[in-house]
Amino acid sequence: MESKKTLPGTPITGAEWENEVYSFRKHSVQLRYAWDAGSAVSGFLEGLKEGRILGRRCNRCMRVLVPPRAFCERCFRSTDEWVEVKDTGKINTYSVSYVNNDASRRDKPLIVAVIEIDGASPGMGFLHVLGEVEPSKVHVDMKVKAVWKPRDERVGAITDIKYFKPLEV
């Protein structure tokens, strides 16, 4: 037979809790924080603001890392230089979603894909949305191109690329 462990103190009943028989102090915490993208991602975001996709090259293994990293996870050393890559690529994998963030049904499907960027090392790329394509036409290895926001609307975010559209249909 399992013994029930008794914790020290006097339990508060549900009625005592609801009627606030005991002293309660309600407090809201104001948490303030700052997020730093670091040198590699900051350079990447600045490039996006200019309409360019930037990566970092490791001169030991000759990989071009996109999104850029300050160190090469293969060689365990700092990356060496900035490299501008193309704003084209191919779909590595994708998903078609008919559900919104709040679990409600979408009228029009959202298509997200991992885009392997041309000029980056194989397997390097990032997640983004697709546009100007029907879900039934999307496929792995489909060639795509970035559609950029107008220069005056760019803020240095991944959303400076509105979406990727197919180069073939």
Protein backbone atom coordinates (compact mmCIF):
# COMPACT_ATOMS: atom_id res chain seq x y z
CA MET A 1 0.00 0.00 0.00
CA GLU A 2 1.33 3.39 -1.03
CA SER A 3 1.81 5.85 1.83
CA LYS A 4 0.78 9.45 1.28
CA LYS A 5 3.55 11.88 2.08
CA THR A 6 2.42 14.74 4.31
CA LEU A 7 4.03 18.08 3.66
CA PRO A 8 4.70 20.52 6.51
CA GLY A 9 2.23 23.35 7.11
CA THR A 10 -1.52 23.64 7.20
CA PRO A 11 -3.43 23.07 3.98
CA ILE A 12 -5.71 25.87 2.78
CA THR A 13 -9.20 24.76 1.91
CA GLY A 14 -10.88 25.75 -1.33
CA ALA A 15 -13.31 28.00 0.56
CA GLU A 16 -10.45 29.73 2.38
CA TRP A 17 -8.69 30.30 -0.94
CA GLU A 18 -11.78 31.69 -2.68
CA ASN A 19 -12.67 33.98 0.26
CA GLU A 20 -9.05 35.12 0.64
CA VAL A 21 -9.03 34.32 4.34
CA TYR A 22 -5.25 34.55 4.32
CA SER A 23 -3.12 37.48 3.21
CA PHE A 24 -2.50 37.60 -0.49
CA ARG A 25 -0.30 39.92 -2.42
CA LYS A 26 -1.01 40.23 -6.11
CA HIS A 27 1.87 41.53 -8.15
CA SER A 28 2.48 41.99 -11.86
CA VAL A 29 6.05 41.65 -12.99
CA GLN A 30 7.30 44.00 -15.70
CA LEU A 31 9.96 42.03 -17.50
CA ARG A 32 12.23 44.05 -19.72
CA TYR A 33 14.78 42.48 -21.95
CA ALA A 34 16.79 43.16 -25.06
CA TRP A 35 17.59 40.70 -27.79
CA ASP A 36 20.90 40.87 -29.62
CA ALA A 37 21.12 39.19 -32.99
CA GLY A 38 24.92 38.91 -32.75
CA SER A 39 27.42 39.90 -35.42
CA ALA A 40 26.54 37.23 -38.00
CA VAL A 41 22.76 37.58 -37.96
CA SER A 42 23.01 41.39 -37.65
CA GLY A 43 25.02 41.47 -40.87
CA PHE A 44 22.49 39.15 -42.50
CA LEU A 45 19.60 41.44 -41.50
CA GLU A 46 21.42 44.54 -42.74
CA GLY A 47 21.97 42.77 -46.05
CA LEU A 48 18.24 42.01 -46.30
CA LYS A 49 17.48 45.68 -45.74
CA GLU A 50 19.70 46.41 -48.76
CA GLY A 51 18.02 43.67 -50.83
CA ARG A 52 20.93 41.24 -50.58
CA ILE A 53 21.25 37.79 -49.02
CA LEU A 54 24.57 37.38 -47.20
CA GLY A 55 26.31 34.31 -45.85
CA ARG A 56 29.61 33.58 -44.11
CA ARG A 57 32.33 31.43 -45.63
CA CYS A 58 34.54 29.02 -43.71
CA ASN A 59 37.86 28.95 -45.56
CA ARG A 60 38.83 25.62 -43.98
CA CYS A 61 35.87 23.52 -45.21
CA MET A 62 34.88 26.04 -47.93
CA ARG A 63 31.23 26.04 -46.92
CA VAL A 64 29.06 29.13 -47.31
CA LEU A 65 26.67 29.29 -44.37
CA VAL A 66 23.23 30.81 -44.90
CA PRO A 67 21.88 32.09 -42.59
CA PRO A 68 25.36 33.14 -41.53
CA ARG A 69 27.05 31.91 -38.39
CA ALA A 70 29.99 33.44 -36.54
CA PHE A 71 31.60 30.01 -36.27
CA CYS A 72 31.63 26.89 -38.41
CA GLU A 73 29.94 24.03 -36.61
CA ARG A 74 31.86 21.54 -38.76
CA CYS A 75 35.38 22.95 -38.19
CA PHE A 76 34.74 24.53 -34.76
CA ARG A 77 36.42 27.76 -35.80
CA SER A 78 35.38 31.32 -36.65
CA THR A 79 34.04 31.90 -40.12
CA ASP A 80 36.28 34.01 -42.33
CA GLU A 81 34.40 36.33 -44.65
CA TRP A 82 31.07 37.67 -45.88
CA VAL A 83 29.75 36.29 -49.16
CA GLU A 84 26.80 37.61 -51.13
CA VAL A 85 24.67 34.78 -52.50
CA LYS A 86 21.81 34.86 -54.98
CA ASP A 87 18.20 35.54 -54.10
CA THR A 88 17.19 32.35 -55.87
CA GLY A 89 17.18 28.78 -54.67
CA LYS A 90 15.25 25.56 -54.57
CA ILE A 91 12.68 24.07 -52.25
CA ASN A 92 14.15 21.50 -49.87
CA THR A 93 10.84 20.71 -48.16
CA TYR A 94 7.48 22.42 -47.78
CA SER A 95 4.16 22.38 -45.99
CA VAL A 96 0.70 23.57 -47.00
CA SER A 97 -1.34 24.84 -44.06
CA TYR A 98 -5.08 25.38 -44.02
CA VAL A 99 -5.07 26.37 -40.34
CA ASN A 100 -4.36 29.77 -38.73
CA ASN A 101 -2.32 30.28 -35.55
CA ASP A 102 -5.55 30.23 -33.51
CA ALA A 103 -6.57 26.86 -35.06
CA SER A 104 -9.29 28.47 -37.18
CA ARG A 105 -9.65 27.44 -40.83
CA ARG A 106 -7.80 29.54 -43.45
CA ASP A 107 -9.66 30.70 -46.55
CA LYS A 108 -6.48 30.56 -48.62
CA PRO A 109 -3.70 28.07 -47.76
CA LEU A 110 -0.34 29.26 -46.45
CA ILE A 111 2.63 27.52 -48.05
CA VAL A 112 5.91 27.54 -46.16
CA ALA A 113 9.14 26.03 -47.42
CA VAL A 114 12.78 25.59 -46.53
CA ILE A 115 14.62 27.36 -49.36
CA GLU A 116 18.15 26.23 -50.17
CA ILE A 117 19.78 29.42 -51.42
CA ASP A 118 21.88 29.39 -54.61
CA GLY A 119 25.51 30.13 -53.75
CA ALA A 120 25.19 28.65 -50.26
CA SER A 121 26.48 25.20 -49.40
CA PRO A 122 24.10 22.29 -50.04
CA GLY A 123 21.48 22.01 -47.33
CA MET A 124 21.89 25.65 -46.27
CA GLY A 125 18.82 27.85 -46.34
CA PHE A 126 15.93 29.16 -44.34
CA LEU A 127 12.21 28.87 -43.82
CA HIS A 128 10.02 31.32 -45.73
CA VAL A 129 6.61 31.59 -47.36
CA LEU A 130 5.81 30.90 -51.00
CA GLY A 131 3.58 33.08 -53.16
CA GLU A 132 2.26 33.22 -56.71
CA VAL A 133 1.86 29.44 -56.78
CA GLU A 134 -0.94 26.95 -56.28
CA PRO A 135 -0.31 24.30 -53.61
CA SER A 136 -0.73 21.51 -56.16
CA LYS A 137 2.15 22.94 -58.24
CA VAL A 138 4.72 23.07 -55.42
CA HIS A 139 7.35 20.35 -55.35
CA VAL A 140 10.73 19.56 -53.83
CA ASP A 141 13.60 20.97 -55.94
CA MET A 142 11.31 23.64 -57.46
CA LYS A 143 13.41 26.70 -58.38
CA VAL A 144 12.24 29.89 -56.66
CA LYS A 145 13.17 33.57 -56.51
CA ALA A 146 12.76 36.13 -53.74
CA VAL A 147 10.12 38.83 -54.13
CA TRP A 148 11.38 41.82 -52.15
CA LYS A 149 9.43 44.56 -50.44
CA PRO A 150 10.06 48.01 -51.91
CA ARG A 151 13.33 49.51 -50.62
CA ASP A 152 11.58 52.17 -48.51
CA GLU A 153 9.53 49.49 -46.70
CA ARG A 154 12.48 47.30 -45.67
CA VAL A 155 13.47 47.28 -42.01
CA GLY A 156 16.23 44.68 -41.76
CA ALA A 157 14.08 41.59 -41.12
CA ILE A 158 13.50 38.27 -42.88
CA THR A 159 10.12 39.70 -43.88
CA ASP A 160 11.93 42.18 -46.16
CA ILE A 161 11.54 39.26 -48.54
CA LYS A 162 7.76 39.18 -49.02
CA TYR A 163 7.83 35.62 -50.33
CA PHE A 164 9.53 33.34 -52.81
CA LYS A 165 7.84 32.69 -56.16
CA PRO A 166 8.49 29.86 -58.59
CA LEU A 167 10.80 30.32 -61.55
CA GLU A 168 8.95 27.44 -63.23
CA VAL A 169 5.31 26.38 -63.07
